[in-house]
Amino acid sequence: MKRVASLLLLASLGFCAEQIDPATGMKIAEGWETVRDNCTVCHSAKMYTMTTGTRQDWITAIKWMQETQGLWEFDPETEKTILDYLSKEYAPKNTSRRRPLLTSDLLPPK
């Protein structure tokens, strides 16, 4: 019986492991393909996989890119999907030493 329980536990660990897209390094979760399709057009996925931010941080970054870098306006559903994914999968963690995204007053001028 212990052997069966151990095997079930080991098998379930594989389902809990975080899946990463090998091509981009992105966490595979709801909305990841929308983020990939819209964000990696202009820059590497490392721009967000190597940092964290709150939902407001991600909104600020997107608005800055739209105002200064030529990023197109998203339809409301696409923007929500992108923000939901980034704010969940790349949210600040208490144990993280990486600083959050820059606030708009620290970004380069328009």
PDB file of N, CA and C in Angstrom:
ATOM      1  N   MET A   1       0.821  -1.193   0.000  1.00  0.00           N
ATOM      2  CA  MET A   1       0.000   0.000   0.000  1.00  0.00           C
ATOM      3  C   MET A   1       0.868   1.262   0.000  1.00  0.00           C
ATOM      4  N   LYS A   2       1.958   1.224   0.786  1.00  0.00           N
ATOM      5  CA  LYS A   2       2.857   2.378   0.828  1.00  0.00           C
ATOM      6  C   LYS A   2       3.479   2.626  -0.541  1.00  0.00           C
ATOM      7  N   ARG A   3       3.781   1.540  -1.229  1.00  0.00           N
ATOM      8  CA  ARG A   3       4.401   1.667  -2.552  1.00  0.00           C
ATOM      9  C   ARG A   3       3.440   2.358  -3.529  1.00  0.00           C
ATOM     10  N   VAL A   4       2.168   1.989  -3.501  1.00  0.00           N
ATOM     11  CA  VAL A   4       1.169   2.600  -4.380  1.00  0.00           C
ATOM     12  C   VAL A   4       1.021   4.077  -4.044  1.00  0.00           C
ATOM     13  N   ALA A   5       0.948   4.405  -2.775  1.00  0.00           N
ATOM     14  CA  ALA A   5       0.817   5.801  -2.358  1.00  0.00           C
ATOM     15  C   ALA A   5       2.031   6.610  -2.796  1.00  0.00           C
ATOM     16  N   SER A   6       3.213   6.022  -2.669  1.00  0.00           N
ATOM     17  CA  SER A   6       4.430   6.718  -3.095  1.00  0.00           C
ATOM     18  C   SER A   6       4.427   6.964  -4.594  1.00  0.00           C
ATOM     19  N   LEU A   7       4.017   5.973  -5.364  1.00  0.00           N
ATOM     20  CA  LEU A   7       3.956   6.132  -6.816  1.00  0.00           C
ATOM     21  C   LEU A   7       2.939   7.196  -7.222  1.00  0.00           C
ATOM     22  N   LEU A   8       1.797   7.213  -6.552  1.00  0.00           N
ATOM     23  CA  LEU A   8       0.789   8.234  -6.848  1.00  0.00           C
ATOM     24  C   LEU A   8       1.313   9.627  -6.520  1.00  0.00           C
ATOM     25  N   LEU A   9       2.013   9.750  -5.422  1.00  0.00           N
ATOM     26  CA  LEU A   9       2.582  11.043  -5.036  1.00  0.00           C
ATOM     27  C   LEU A   9       3.608  11.508  -6.061  1.00  0.00           C
ATOM     28  N   LEU A  10       4.495  10.621  -6.467  1.00  0.00           N
ATOM     29  CA  LEU A  10       5.503  10.979  -7.465  1.00  0.00           C
ATOM     30  C   LEU A  10       4.865  11.352  -8.800  1.00  0.00           C
ATOM     31  N   ALA A  11       3.844  10.622  -9.197  1.00  0.00           N
ATOM     32  CA  ALA A  11       3.168  10.920 -10.460  1.00  0.00           C
ATOM     33  C   ALA A  11       2.479  12.276 -10.399  1.00  0.00           C
ATOM     34  N   SER A  12       1.902  12.603  -9.253  1.00  0.00           N
ATOM     35  CA  SER A  12       1.199  13.882  -9.136  1.00  0.00           C
ATOM     36  C   SER A  12       2.159  15.065  -9.123  1.00  0.00           C
ATOM     37  N   LEU A  13       3.388  14.864  -8.710  1.00  0.00           N
ATOM     38  CA  LEU A  13       4.361  15.954  -8.703  1.00  0.00           C
ATOM     39  C   LEU A  13       4.636  16.462 -10.109  1.00  0.00           C
ATOM     40  N   GLY A  14       4.600  15.595 -11.081  1.00  0.00           N
ATOM     41  CA  GLY A  14       4.809  16.012 -12.461  1.00  0.00           C
ATOM     42  C   GLY A  14       3.718  16.949 -12.951  1.00  0.00           C
ATOM     43  N   PHE A  15       2.508  16.772 -12.449  1.00  0.00           N
ATOM     44  CA  PHE A  15       1.402  17.637 -12.851  1.00  0.00           C
ATOM     45  C   PHE A  15       1.482  18.996 -12.172  1.00  0.00           C
ATOM     46  N   CYS A  16       2.130  19.079 -11.037  1.00  0.00           N
ATOM     47  CA  CYS A  16       2.242  20.338 -10.308  1.00  0.00           C
ATOM     48  C   CYS A  16       3.406  21.190 -10.805  1.00  0.00           C
ATOM     49  N   ALA A  17       4.335  20.584 -11.489  1.00  0.00           N
ATOM     50  CA  ALA A  17       5.517  21.320 -11.939  1.00  0.00           C
ATOM     51  C   ALA A  17       5.121  22.398 -12.939  1.00  0.00           C
ATOM     52  N   GLU A  18       5.785  23.517 -12.826  1.00  0.00           N
ATOM     53  CA  GLU A  18       5.534  24.639 -13.723  1.00  0.00           C
ATOM     54  C   GLU A  18       6.039  24.287 -15.118  1.00  0.00           C
ATOM     55  N   GLN A  19       5.202  24.476 -16.113  1.00  0.00           N
ATOM     56  CA  GLN A  19       5.612  24.192 -17.483  1.00  0.00           C
ATOM     57  C   GLN A  19       6.148  25.468 -18.116  1.00  0.00           C
ATOM     58  N   ILE A  20       7.261  25.329 -18.816  1.00  0.00           N
ATOM     59  CA  ILE A  20       7.925  26.459 -19.463  1.00  0.00           C
ATOM     60  C   ILE A  20       8.018  26.182 -20.961  1.00  0.00           C
ATOM     61  N   ASP A  21       7.658  27.173 -21.760  1.00  0.00           N
ATOM     62  CA  ASP A  21       7.801  27.053 -23.207  1.00  0.00           C
ATOM     63  C   ASP A  21       9.287  27.104 -23.540  1.00  0.00           C
ATOM     64  N   PRO A  22       9.832  26.069 -24.181  1.00  0.00           N
ATOM     65  CA  PRO A  22      11.272  26.049 -24.454  1.00  0.00           C
ATOM     66  C   PRO A  22      11.740  27.140 -25.417  1.00  0.00           C
ATOM     67  N   ALA A  23      10.883  27.587 -26.301  1.00  0.00           N
ATOM     68  CA  ALA A  23      11.290  28.601 -27.283  1.00  0.00           C
ATOM     69  C   ALA A  23      11.399  29.996 -26.677  1.00  0.00           C
ATOM     70  N   THR A  24      10.525  30.312 -25.709  1.00  0.00           N
ATOM     71  CA  THR A  24      10.492  31.676 -25.160  1.00  0.00           C
ATOM     72  C   THR A  24      10.912  31.772 -23.705  1.00  0.00           C
ATOM     73  N   GLY A  25      10.828  30.656 -22.980  1.00  0.00           N
ATOM     74  CA  GLY A  25      11.089  30.694 -21.545  1.00  0.00           C
ATOM     75  C   GLY A  25       9.886  31.152 -20.745  1.00  0.00           C
ATOM     76  N   MET A  26       8.745  31.336 -21.413  1.00  0.00           N
ATOM     77  CA  MET A  26       7.533  31.802 -20.746  1.00  0.00           C
ATOM     78  C   MET A  26       6.852  30.672 -19.989  1.00  0.00           C
ATOM     79  N   LYS A  27       6.210  31.034 -18.876  1.00  0.00           N
ATOM     80  CA  LYS A  27       5.396  30.074 -18.145  1.00  0.00           C
ATOM     81  C   LYS A  27       4.162  29.769 -18.985  1.00  0.00           C
ATOM     82  N   ILE A  28       3.887  28.479 -19.156  1.00  0.00           N
ATOM     83  CA  ILE A  28       2.710  28.078 -19.920  1.00  0.00           C
ATOM     84  C   ILE A  28       1.526  28.080 -18.967  1.00  0.00           C
ATOM     85  N   ALA A  29       0.652  29.029 -19.181  1.00  0.00           N
ATOM     86  CA  ALA A  29      -0.548  29.200 -18.364  1.00  0.00           C
ATOM     87  C   ALA A  29      -1.574  29.925 -19.219  1.00  0.00           C
ATOM     88  N   GLU A  30      -2.772  30.033 -18.714  1.00  0.00           N
ATOM     89  CA  GLU A  30      -3.832  30.690 -19.474  1.00  0.00           C
ATOM     90  C   GLU A  30      -3.395  32.075 -19.953  1.00  0.00           C
ATOM     91  N   GLY A  31      -3.490  32.300 -21.241  1.00  0.00           N
ATOM     92  CA  GLY A  31      -3.155  33.590 -21.828  1.00  0.00           C
ATOM     93  C   GLY A  31      -1.738  33.716 -22.354  1.00  0.00           C
ATOM     94  N   TRP A  32      -0.902  32.718 -22.127  1.00  0.00           N
ATOM     95  CA  TRP A  32       0.510  32.860 -22.508  1.00  0.00           C
ATOM     96  C   TRP A  32       0.698  33.036 -24.015  1.00  0.00           C
ATOM     97  N   GLU A  33      -0.116  32.373 -24.810  1.00  0.00           N
ATOM     98  CA  GLU A  33       0.038  32.497 -26.263  1.00  0.00           C
ATOM     99  C   GLU A  33      -0.327  33.902 -26.751  1.00  0.00           C
ATOM    100  N   THR A  34      -1.322  34.516 -26.130  1.00  0.00           N
ATOM    101  CA  THR A  34      -1.690  35.895 -26.482  1.00  0.00           C
ATOM    102  C   THR A  34      -0.549  36.838 -26.153  1.00  0.00           C
ATOM    103  N   VAL A  35       0.064  36.645 -24.992  1.00  0.00           N
ATOM    104  CA  VAL A  35       1.208  37.480 -24.606  1.00  0.00           C
ATOM    105  C   VAL A  35       2.354  37.252 -25.587  1.00  0.00           C
ATOM    106  N   ARG A  36       2.651  36.010 -25.867  1.00  0.00           N
ATOM    107  CA  ARG A  36       3.726  35.700 -26.817  1.00  0.00           C
ATOM    108  C   ARG A  36       3.467  36.358 -28.170  1.00  0.00           C
ATOM    109  N   ASP A  37       2.261  36.204 -28.682  1.00  0.00           N
ATOM    110  CA  ASP A  37       1.937  36.710 -30.016  1.00  0.00           C
ATOM    111  C   ASP A  37       1.978  38.232 -30.105  1.00  0.00           C
ATOM    112  N   ASN A  38       1.689  38.921 -29.013  1.00  0.00           N
ATOM    113  CA  ASN A  38       1.652  40.381 -29.035  1.00  0.00           C
ATOM    114  C   ASN A  38       2.941  41.025 -28.549  1.00  0.00           C
ATOM    115  N   CYS A  39       3.621  40.401 -27.629  1.00  0.00           N
ATOM    116  CA  CYS A  39       4.770  41.057 -26.995  1.00  0.00           C
ATOM    117  C   CYS A  39       6.111  40.699 -27.636  1.00  0.00           C
ATOM    118  N   THR A  40       6.241  39.481 -28.131  1.00  0.00           N
ATOM    119  CA  THR A  40       7.534  39.109 -28.707  1.00  0.00           C
ATOM    120  C   THR A  40       7.685  39.579 -30.150  1.00  0.00           C
ATOM    121  N   VAL A  41       6.713  40.299 -30.655  1.00  0.00           N
ATOM    122  CA  VAL A  41       6.841  40.919 -31.974  1.00  0.00           C
ATOM    123  C   VAL A  41       7.945  41.976 -31.917  1.00  0.00           C
ATOM    124  N   CYS A  42       8.015  42.687 -30.797  1.00  0.00           N
ATOM    125  CA  CYS A  42       8.965  43.809 -30.661  1.00  0.00           C
ATOM    126  C   CYS A  42      10.187  43.488 -29.807  1.00  0.00           C
ATOM    127  N   HIS A  43      10.054  42.590 -28.861  1.00  0.00           N
ATOM    128  CA  HIS A  43      11.181  42.308 -27.976  1.00  0.00           C
ATOM    129  C   HIS A  43      11.141  40.871 -27.487  1.00  0.00           C
ATOM    130  N   SER A  44      12.243  40.456 -26.928  1.00  0.00           N
ATOM    131  CA  SER A  44      12.375  39.112 -26.380  1.00  0.00           C
ATOM    132  C   SER A  44      11.436  38.930 -25.188  1.00  0.00           C
ATOM    133  N   ALA A  45      11.001  37.701 -24.985  1.00  0.00           N
ATOM    134  CA  ALA A  45      10.178  37.393 -23.815  1.00  0.00           C
ATOM    135  C   ALA A  45      10.943  37.634 -22.519  1.00  0.00           C
ATOM    136  N   LYS A  46      12.266  37.701 -22.591  1.00  0.00           N
ATOM    137  CA  LYS A  46      13.060  37.954 -21.385  1.00  0.00           C
ATOM    138  C   LYS A  46      12.729  39.306 -20.760  1.00  0.00           C
ATOM    139  N   MET A  47      12.156  40.213 -21.547  1.00  0.00           N
ATOM    140  CA  MET A  47      11.777  41.520 -21.011  1.00  0.00           C
ATOM    141  C   MET A  47      10.789  41.378 -19.860  1.00  0.00           C
ATOM    142  N   TYR A  48       9.989  40.333 -19.863  1.00  0.00           N
ATOM    143  CA  TYR A  48       9.048  40.151 -18.756  1.00  0.00           C
ATOM    144  C   TYR A  48       9.284  38.873 -17.971  1.00  0.00           C
ATOM    145  N   THR A  49       9.972  37.880 -18.543  1.00  0.00           N
ATOM    146  CA  THR A  49      10.231  36.666 -17.770  1.00  0.00           C
ATOM    147  C   THR A  49      11.328  36.881 -16.733  1.00  0.00           C
ATOM    148  N   MET A  50      12.119  37.928 -16.902  1.00  0.00           N
ATOM    149  CA  MET A  50      13.221  38.203 -15.974  1.00  0.00           C
ATOM    150  C   MET A  50      12.869  39.291 -14.960  1.00  0.00           C
ATOM    151  N   THR A  51      11.620  39.700 -14.921  1.00  0.00           N
ATOM    152  CA  THR A  51      11.216  40.753 -13.996  1.00  0.00           C
ATOM    153  C   THR A  51       9.855  40.415 -13.407  1.00  0.00           C
ATOM    154  N   THR A  52       9.395  41.239 -12.505  1.00  0.00           N
ATOM    155  CA  THR A  52       8.075  41.063 -11.911  1.00  0.00           C
ATOM    156  C   THR A  52       7.392  42.417 -11.851  1.00  0.00           C
ATOM    157  N   GLY A  53       6.099  42.384 -11.671  1.00  0.00           N
ATOM    158  CA  GLY A  53       5.366  43.632 -11.536  1.00  0.00           C
ATOM    159  C   GLY A  53       3.933  43.386 -11.113  1.00  0.00           C
ATOM    160  N   THR A  54       3.365  44.388 -10.483  1.00  0.00           N
ATOM    161  CA  THR A  54       1.946  44.342 -10.148  1.00  0.00           C
ATOM    162  C   THR A  54       1.149  44.616 -11.419  1.00  0.00           C
ATOM    163  N   ARG A  55      -0.141  44.453 -11.343  1.00  0.00           N
ATOM    164  CA  ARG A  55      -0.988  44.754 -12.501  1.00  0.00           C
ATOM    165  C   ARG A  55      -0.773  46.205 -12.929  1.00  0.00           C
ATOM    166  N   GLN A  56      -0.700  47.124 -11.951  1.00  0.00           N
ATOM    167  CA  GLN A  56      -0.498  48.532 -12.290  1.00  0.00           C
ATOM    168  C   GLN A  56       0.873  48.752 -12.936  1.00  0.00           C
ATOM    169  N   ASP A  57       1.895  48.044 -12.479  1.00  0.00           N
ATOM    170  CA  ASP A  57       3.219  48.144 -13.108  1.00  0.00           C
ATOM    171  C   ASP A  57       3.148  47.737 -14.577  1.00  0.00           C
ATOM    172  N   TRP A  58       2.446  46.641 -14.862  1.00  0.00           N
ATOM    173  CA  TRP A  58       2.334  46.161 -16.241  1.00  0.00           C
ATOM    174  C   TRP A  58       1.513  47.134 -17.085  1.00  0.00           C
ATOM    175  N   ILE A  59       0.456  47.708 -16.515  1.00  0.00           N
ATOM    176  CA  ILE A  59      -0.335  48.717 -17.238  1.00  0.00           C
ATOM    177  C   ILE A  59       0.552  49.896 -17.600  1.00  0.00           C
ATOM    178  N   THR A  60       1.335  50.365 -16.627  1.00  0.00           N
ATOM    179  CA  THR A  60       2.231  51.499 -16.861  1.00  0.00           C
ATOM    180  C   THR A  60       3.226  51.188 -17.974  1.00  0.00           C
ATOM    181  N   ALA A  61       3.796  49.988 -17.948  1.00  0.00           N
ATOM    182  CA  ALA A  61       4.773  49.602 -18.975  1.00  0.00           C
ATOM    183  C   ALA A  61       4.120  49.554 -20.360  1.00  0.00           C
ATOM    184  N   ILE A  62       2.927  48.980 -20.440  1.00  0.00           N
ATOM    185  CA  ILE A  62       2.226  48.895 -21.726  1.00  0.00           C
ATOM    186  C   ILE A  62       1.886  50.289 -22.240  1.00  0.00           C
ATOM    187  N   LYS A  63       1.352  51.137 -21.371  1.00  0.00           N
ATOM    188  CA  LYS A  63       0.996  52.503 -21.791  1.00  0.00           C
ATOM    189  C   LYS A  63       2.238  53.259 -22.262  1.00  0.00           C
ATOM    190  N   TRP A  64       3.356  53.086 -21.568  1.00  0.00           N
ATOM    191  CA  TRP A  64       4.597  53.747 -21.985  1.00  0.00           C
ATOM    192  C   TRP A  64       5.009  53.266 -23.375  1.00  0.00           C
ATOM    193  N   MET A  65       4.935  51.949 -23.610  1.00  0.00           N
ATOM    194  CA  MET A  65       5.297  51.417 -24.928  1.00  0.00           C
ATOM    195  C   MET A  65       4.347  51.929 -26.011  1.00  0.00           C
ATOM    196  N   GLN A  66       3.067  52.071 -25.664  1.00  0.00           N
ATOM    197  CA  GLN A  66       2.108  52.584 -26.642  1.00  0.00           C
ATOM    198  C   GLN A  66       2.365  54.059 -26.946  1.00  0.00           C
ATOM    199  N   GLU A  67       2.732  54.831 -25.940  1.00  0.00           N
ATOM    200  CA  GLU A  67       2.941  56.269 -26.122  1.00  0.00           C
ATOM    201  C   GLU A  67       4.287  56.607 -26.753  1.00  0.00           C
ATOM    202  N   THR A  68       5.298  55.783 -26.516  1.00  0.00           N
ATOM    203  CA  THR A  68       6.649  56.169 -26.945  1.00  0.00           C
ATOM    204  C   THR A  68       7.334  55.199 -27.898  1.00  0.00           C
ATOM    205  N   GLN A  69       6.863  53.963 -27.954  1.00  0.00           N
ATOM    206  CA  GLN A  69       7.576  52.952 -28.723  1.00  0.00           C
ATOM    207  C   GLN A  69       6.795  52.407 -29.914  1.00  0.00           C
ATOM    208  N   GLY A  70       5.621  52.941 -30.157  1.00  0.00           N
ATOM    209  CA  GLY A  70       4.842  52.509 -31.315  1.00  0.00           C
ATOM    210  C   GLY A  70       4.019  51.252 -31.109  1.00  0.00           C
ATOM    211  N   LEU A  71       3.845  50.834 -29.864  1.00  0.00           N
ATOM    212  CA  LEU A  71       2.999  49.666 -29.611  1.00  0.00           C
ATOM    213  C   LEU A  71       1.550  50.034 -29.922  1.00  0.00           C
ATOM    214  N   TRP A  72       0.875  49.160 -30.632  1.00  0.00           N
ATOM    215  CA  TRP A  72      -0.513  49.394 -31.006  1.00  0.00           C
ATOM    216  C   TRP A  72      -1.425  49.291 -29.789  1.00  0.00           C
ATOM    217  N   GLU A  73      -2.607  49.878 -29.915  1.00  0.00           N
ATOM    218  CA  GLU A  73      -3.632  49.756 -28.873  1.00  0.00           C
ATOM    219  C   GLU A  73      -4.217  48.348 -28.946  1.00  0.00           C
ATOM    220  N   PHE A  74      -4.431  47.737 -27.796  1.00  0.00           N
ATOM    221  CA  PHE A  74      -5.047  46.415 -27.740  1.00  0.00           C
ATOM    222  C   PHE A  74      -6.559  46.566 -27.625  1.00  0.00           C
ATOM    223  N   ASP A  75      -7.283  45.599 -28.173  1.00  0.00           N
ATOM    224  CA  ASP A  75      -8.713  45.581 -27.890  1.00  0.00           C
ATOM    225  C   ASP A  75      -8.854  45.196 -26.416  1.00  0.00           C
ATOM    226  N   PRO A  76      -9.973  45.549 -25.768  1.00  0.00           N
ATOM    227  CA  PRO A  76     -10.118  45.318 -24.322  1.00  0.00           C
ATOM    228  C   PRO A  76      -9.887  43.869 -23.887  1.00  0.00           C
ATOM    229  N   GLU A  77     -10.356  42.913 -24.672  1.00  0.00           N
ATOM    230  CA  GLU A  77     -10.190  41.501 -24.304  1.00  0.00           C
ATOM    231  C   GLU A  77      -8.717  41.090 -24.339  1.00  0.00           C
ATOM    232  N   THR A  78      -8.000  41.508 -25.372  1.00  0.00           N
ATOM    233  CA  THR A  78      -6.575  41.184 -25.477  1.00  0.00           C
ATOM    234  C   THR A  78      -5.795  41.827 -24.344  1.00  0.00           C
ATOM    235  N   GLU A  79      -6.072  43.094 -24.057  1.00  0.00           N
ATOM    236  CA  GLU A  79      -5.369  43.775 -22.967  1.00  0.00           C
ATOM    237  C   GLU A  79      -5.628  43.087 -21.633  1.00  0.00           C
ATOM    238  N   LYS A  80      -6.876  42.683 -21.387  1.00  0.00           N
ATOM    239  CA  LYS A  80      -7.204  41.987 -20.139  1.00  0.00           C
ATOM    240  C   LYS A  80      -6.449  40.663 -20.053  1.00  0.00           C
ATOM    241  N   THR A  81      -6.408  39.916 -21.150  1.00  0.00           N
ATOM    242  CA  THR A  81      -5.699  38.632 -21.169  1.00  0.00           C
ATOM    243  C   THR A  81      -4.218  38.834 -20.865  1.00  0.00           C
ATOM    244  N   ILE A  82      -3.609  39.824 -21.500  1.00  0.00           N
ATOM    245  CA  ILE A  82      -2.187  40.107 -21.277  1.00  0.00           C
ATOM    246  C   ILE A  82      -1.943  40.503 -19.829  1.00  0.00           C
ATOM    247  N   LEU A  83      -2.754  41.413 -19.309  1.00  0.00           N
ATOM    248  CA  LEU A  83      -2.573  41.871 -17.927  1.00  0.00           C
ATOM    249  C   LEU A  83      -2.848  40.759 -16.922  1.00  0.00           C
ATOM    250  N   ASP A  84      -3.863  39.937 -17.173  1.00  0.00           N
ATOM    251  CA  ASP A  84      -4.154  38.814 -16.273  1.00  0.00           C
ATOM    252  C   ASP A  84      -2.958  37.868 -16.209  1.00  0.00           C
ATOM    253  N   TYR A  85      -2.407  37.531 -17.368  1.00  0.00           N
ATOM    254  CA  TYR A  85      -1.273  36.607 -17.424  1.00  0.00           C
ATOM    255  C   TYR A  85      -0.050  37.199 -16.720  1.00  0.00           C
ATOM    256  N   LEU A  86       0.343  38.405 -17.113  1.00  0.00           N
ATOM    257  CA  LEU A  86       1.560  38.996 -16.546  1.00  0.00           C
ATOM    258  C   LEU A  86       1.431  39.238 -15.048  1.00  0.00           C
ATOM    259  N   SER A  87       0.275  39.741 -14.607  1.00  0.00           N
ATOM    260  CA  SER A  87       0.129  40.058 -13.187  1.00  0.00           C
ATOM    261  C   SER A  87      -0.005  38.808 -12.321  1.00  0.00           C
ATOM    262  N   LYS A  88      -0.372  37.686 -12.931  1.00  0.00           N
ATOM    263  CA  LYS A  88      -0.435  36.430 -12.172  1.00  0.00           C
ATOM    264  C   LYS A  88       0.894  35.679 -12.238  1.00  0.00           C
ATOM    265  N   GLU A  89       1.410  35.496 -13.447  1.00  0.00           N
ATOM    266  CA  GLU A  89       2.599  34.667 -13.631  1.00  0.00           C
ATOM    267  C   GLU A  89       3.904  35.396 -13.319  1.00  0.00           C
ATOM    268  N   TYR A  90       3.917  36.699 -13.426  1.00  0.00           N
ATOM    269  CA  TYR A  90       5.139  37.480 -13.174  1.00  0.00           C
ATOM    270  C   TYR A  90       4.860  38.574 -12.152  1.00  0.00           C
ATOM    271  N   ALA A  91       4.144  38.195 -11.106  1.00  0.00           N
ATOM    272  CA  ALA A  91       3.823  39.103 -10.004  1.00  0.00           C
ATOM    273  C   ALA A  91       5.010  39.176  -9.045  1.00  0.00           C
ATOM    274  N   PRO A  92       5.106  40.268  -8.292  1.00  0.00           N
ATOM    275  CA  PRO A  92       6.185  40.356  -7.299  1.00  0.00           C
ATOM    276  C   PRO A  92       6.066  39.226  -6.279  1.00  0.00           C
ATOM    277  N   LYS A  93       7.193  38.729  -5.863  1.00  0.00           N
ATOM    278  CA  LYS A  93       7.235  37.688  -4.840  1.00  0.00           C
ATOM    279  C   LYS A  93       7.998  38.238  -3.645  1.00  0.00           C
ATOM    280  N   ASN A  94       7.579  37.849  -2.481  1.00  0.00           N
ATOM    281  CA  ASN A  94       8.230  38.348  -1.270  1.00  0.00           C
ATOM    282  C   ASN A  94       9.694  37.956  -1.194  1.00  0.00           C
ATOM    283  N   THR A  95      10.049  36.840  -1.812  1.00  0.00           N
ATOM    284  CA  THR A  95      11.425  36.364  -1.728  1.00  0.00           C
ATOM    285  C   THR A  95      12.298  36.889  -2.861  1.00  0.00           C
ATOM    286  N   SER A  96      11.702  37.579  -3.802  1.00  0.00           N
ATOM    287  CA  SER A  96      12.453  38.066  -4.957  1.00  0.00           C
ATOM    288  C   SER A  96      13.342  39.241  -4.583  1.00  0.00           C
ATOM    289  N   ARG A  97      14.530  39.252  -5.138  1.00  0.00           N
ATOM    290  CA  ARG A  97      15.431  40.380  -4.934  1.00  0.00           C
ATOM    291  C   ARG A  97      15.433  41.304  -6.137  1.00  0.00           C
ATOM    292  N   ARG A  98      14.783  40.891  -7.203  1.00  0.00           N
ATOM    293  CA  ARG A  98      14.743  41.714  -8.408  1.00  0.00           C
ATOM    294  C   ARG A  98      13.760  42.853  -8.179  1.00  0.00           C
ATOM    295  N   ARG A  99      14.152  44.031  -8.594  1.00  0.00           N
ATOM    296  CA  ARG A  99      13.289  45.186  -8.386  1.00  0.00           C
ATOM    297  C   ARG A  99      12.091  45.123  -9.324  1.00  0.00           C
ATOM    298  N   PRO A 100      11.000  45.789  -8.957  1.00  0.00           N
ATOM    299  CA  PRO A 100       9.837  45.819  -9.838  1.00  0.00           C
ATOM    300  C   PRO A 100      10.100  46.689 -11.061  1.00  0.00           C
ATOM    301  N   LEU A 101       9.165  46.672 -12.003  1.00  0.00           N
ATOM    302  CA  LEU A 101       9.273  47.507 -13.185  1.00  0.00           C
ATOM    303  C   LEU A 101       9.407  48.971 -12.783  1.00  0.00           C
ATOM    304  N   LEU A 102      10.063  49.749 -13.613  1.00  0.00           N
ATOM    305  CA  LEU A 102      10.214  51.170 -13.343  1.00  0.00           C
ATOM    306  C   LEU A 102       8.865  51.867 -13.390  1.00  0.00           C
ATOM    307  N   THR A 103       8.694  52.845 -12.512  1.00  0.00           N
ATOM    308  CA  THR A 103       7.487  53.657 -12.558  1.00  0.00           C
ATOM    309  C   THR A 103       7.625  54.668 -13.680  1.00  0.00           C
ATOM    310  N   SER A 104       6.525  55.228 -14.106  1.00  0.00           N
ATOM    311  CA  SER A 104       6.533  56.115 -15.274  1.00  0.00           C
ATOM    312  C   SER A 104       7.451  57.322 -15.089  1.00  0.00           C
ATOM    313  N   ASP A 105       7.622  57.791 -13.851  1.00  0.00           N
ATOM    314  CA  ASP A 105       8.503  58.950 -13.645  1.00  0.00           C
ATOM    315  C   ASP A 105       9.979  58.591 -13.796  1.00  0.00           C
ATOM    316  N   LEU A 106      10.303  57.305 -13.831  1.00  0.00           N
ATOM    317  CA  LEU A 106      11.689  56.875 -14.011  1.00  0.00           C
ATOM    318  C   LEU A 106      11.988  56.407 -15.435  1.00  0.00           C
ATOM    319  N   LEU A 107      10.963  56.315 -16.269  1.00  0.00           N
ATOM    320  CA  LEU A 107      11.154  55.895 -17.657  1.00  0.00           C
ATOM    321  C   LEU A 107      11.727  57.048 -18.475  1.00  0.00           C
ATOM    322  N   PRO A 108      12.399  56.742 -19.584  1.00  0.00           N
ATOM    323  CA  PRO A 108      12.935  57.807 -20.441  1.00  0.00           C
ATOM    324  C   PRO A 108      11.814  58.733 -20.906  1.00  0.00           C
ATOM    325  N   PRO A 109      12.145  59.986 -21.178  1.00  0.00           N
ATOM    326  CA  PRO A 109      11.103  60.923 -21.623  1.00  0.00           C
ATOM    327  C   PRO A 109      10.538  60.516 -22.975  1.00  0.00           C
ATOM    328  N   LYS A 110       9.336  60.995 -23.220  1.00  0.00           N
ATOM    329  CA  LYS A 110       8.652  60.683 -24.488  1.00  0.00           C
ATOM    330  C   LYS A 110       9.336  61.359 -25.642  1.00  0.00           C
TER     331      LYS A 110
END
